[in-house]
Amino acid sequence: MKWVKQGRIFNPDKVLPEGISASLMPISKVIDDDKGVIRIYFSPRDLKNRSEVHFFDFDLKNYKILKLSEKDLIRHGKLGAFD
């Protein structure tokens, strides 16, 4: 498969509409190889420098987002907690 640059496929502002300073650590996982669907986990950082884990499912064949996590998968721990 030859690499084809597509540009931005997702705007993380859809997850944190109040604003973000970054969206970090994108990691992909094949959900359905036959249909060309992958899940991308990522961590948007809010304006207080706190990150949460979210995901979206992406259709590689039709180049569109199929599903966006409705809430965070991992929340912030209490102050001083590791995660």
Protein backbone atom coordinates (compact mmCIF):
# COMPACT_ATOMS: atom_id res chain seq x y z
CA MET A 1 0.00 0.00 0.00
CA LYS A 2 1.35 3.40 -0.95
CA TRP A 3 1.07 6.26 1.54
CA VAL A 4 -1.29 9.04 0.47
CA LYS A 5 -1.31 12.17 2.62
CA GLN A 6 -4.92 13.11 3.47
CA GLY A 7 -4.47 16.01 5.89
CA ARG A 8 -6.56 16.46 9.01
CA ILE A 9 -9.23 13.79 9.46
CA PHE A 10 -10.62 14.85 12.84
CA ASN A 11 -11.16 18.07 14.77
CA PRO A 12 -10.77 17.41 18.53
CA ASP A 13 -12.79 20.56 19.30
CA LYS A 14 -15.83 18.30 18.82
CA VAL A 15 -14.87 16.52 22.07
CA LEU A 16 -14.00 19.52 24.23
CA PRO A 17 -15.90 22.46 22.78
CA GLU A 18 -14.68 24.79 25.56
CA GLY A 19 -11.23 24.66 24.00
CA ILE A 20 -8.19 22.47 24.01
CA SER A 21 -4.49 23.16 24.02
CA ALA A 22 -3.51 19.86 22.33
CA SER A 23 -4.68 16.43 21.29
CA LEU A 24 -2.04 13.86 22.11
CA MET A 25 -1.01 10.24 21.68
CA PRO A 26 -3.13 9.01 18.75
CA ILE A 27 -3.09 5.21 18.71
CA SER A 28 -4.98 3.18 16.12
CA LYS A 29 -6.47 -0.30 16.26
CA VAL A 30 -8.07 -2.22 13.39
CA ILE A 31 -11.75 -2.82 14.22
CA ASP A 32 -12.88 -4.42 10.95
CA ASP A 33 -10.16 -5.20 8.44
CA ASP A 34 -12.61 -6.22 5.68
CA LYS A 35 -14.56 -2.95 5.92
CA GLY A 36 -11.45 -0.82 6.52
CA VAL A 37 -12.57 0.50 9.93
CA ILE A 38 -10.06 1.59 12.55
CA ARG A 39 -10.49 2.99 16.06
CA ILE A 40 -8.24 5.88 17.02
CA TYR A 41 -7.67 6.56 20.70
CA PHE A 42 -6.44 10.03 21.61
CA SER A 43 -6.07 12.35 24.60
CA PRO A 44 -7.34 15.91 24.22
CA ARG A 45 -5.80 18.30 26.72
CA ASP A 46 -8.07 20.93 28.22
CA LEU A 47 -7.10 24.49 29.07
CA LYS A 48 -6.07 23.36 32.58
CA ASN A 49 -3.52 20.92 31.03
CA ARG A 50 -5.54 17.83 31.98
CA SER A 51 -5.99 14.97 29.51
CA GLU A 52 -8.64 12.29 29.12
CA VAL A 53 -8.81 9.31 26.77
CA HIS A 54 -11.40 9.37 23.96
CA PHE A 55 -11.77 7.52 20.66
CA PHE A 56 -13.35 7.74 17.24
CA ASP A 57 -13.99 5.04 14.64
CA PHE A 58 -12.88 5.91 11.13
CA ASP A 59 -13.88 4.36 7.80
CA LEU A 60 -10.72 4.27 5.67
CA LYS A 61 -12.57 3.32 2.48
CA ASN A 62 -15.12 6.15 2.59
CA TYR A 63 -12.90 8.57 4.53
CA LYS A 64 -15.41 9.47 7.25
CA ILE A 65 -15.91 9.28 10.99
CA LEU A 66 -18.41 6.60 11.97
CA LYS A 67 -18.53 7.04 15.73
CA LEU A 68 -17.15 9.39 18.38
CA SER A 69 -16.95 8.42 22.04
CA GLU A 70 -19.70 10.21 23.93
CA LYS A 71 -17.66 10.49 27.11
CA ASP A 72 -14.11 9.97 28.25
CA LEU A 73 -12.85 6.40 28.67
CA ILE A 74 -10.42 7.28 31.46
CA ARG A 75 -11.06 10.27 33.71
CA HIS A 76 -8.66 12.40 35.71
CA GLY A 77 -7.62 10.97 39.06
CA LYS A 78 -7.79 12.89 42.32
CA LEU A 79 -5.15 15.59 42.81
CA GLY A 80 -1.80 13.86 43.33
CA ALA A 81 -2.93 10.55 41.82
CA PHE A 82 -0.77 9.05 39.09
CA ASP A 83 -3.55 8.67 36.53
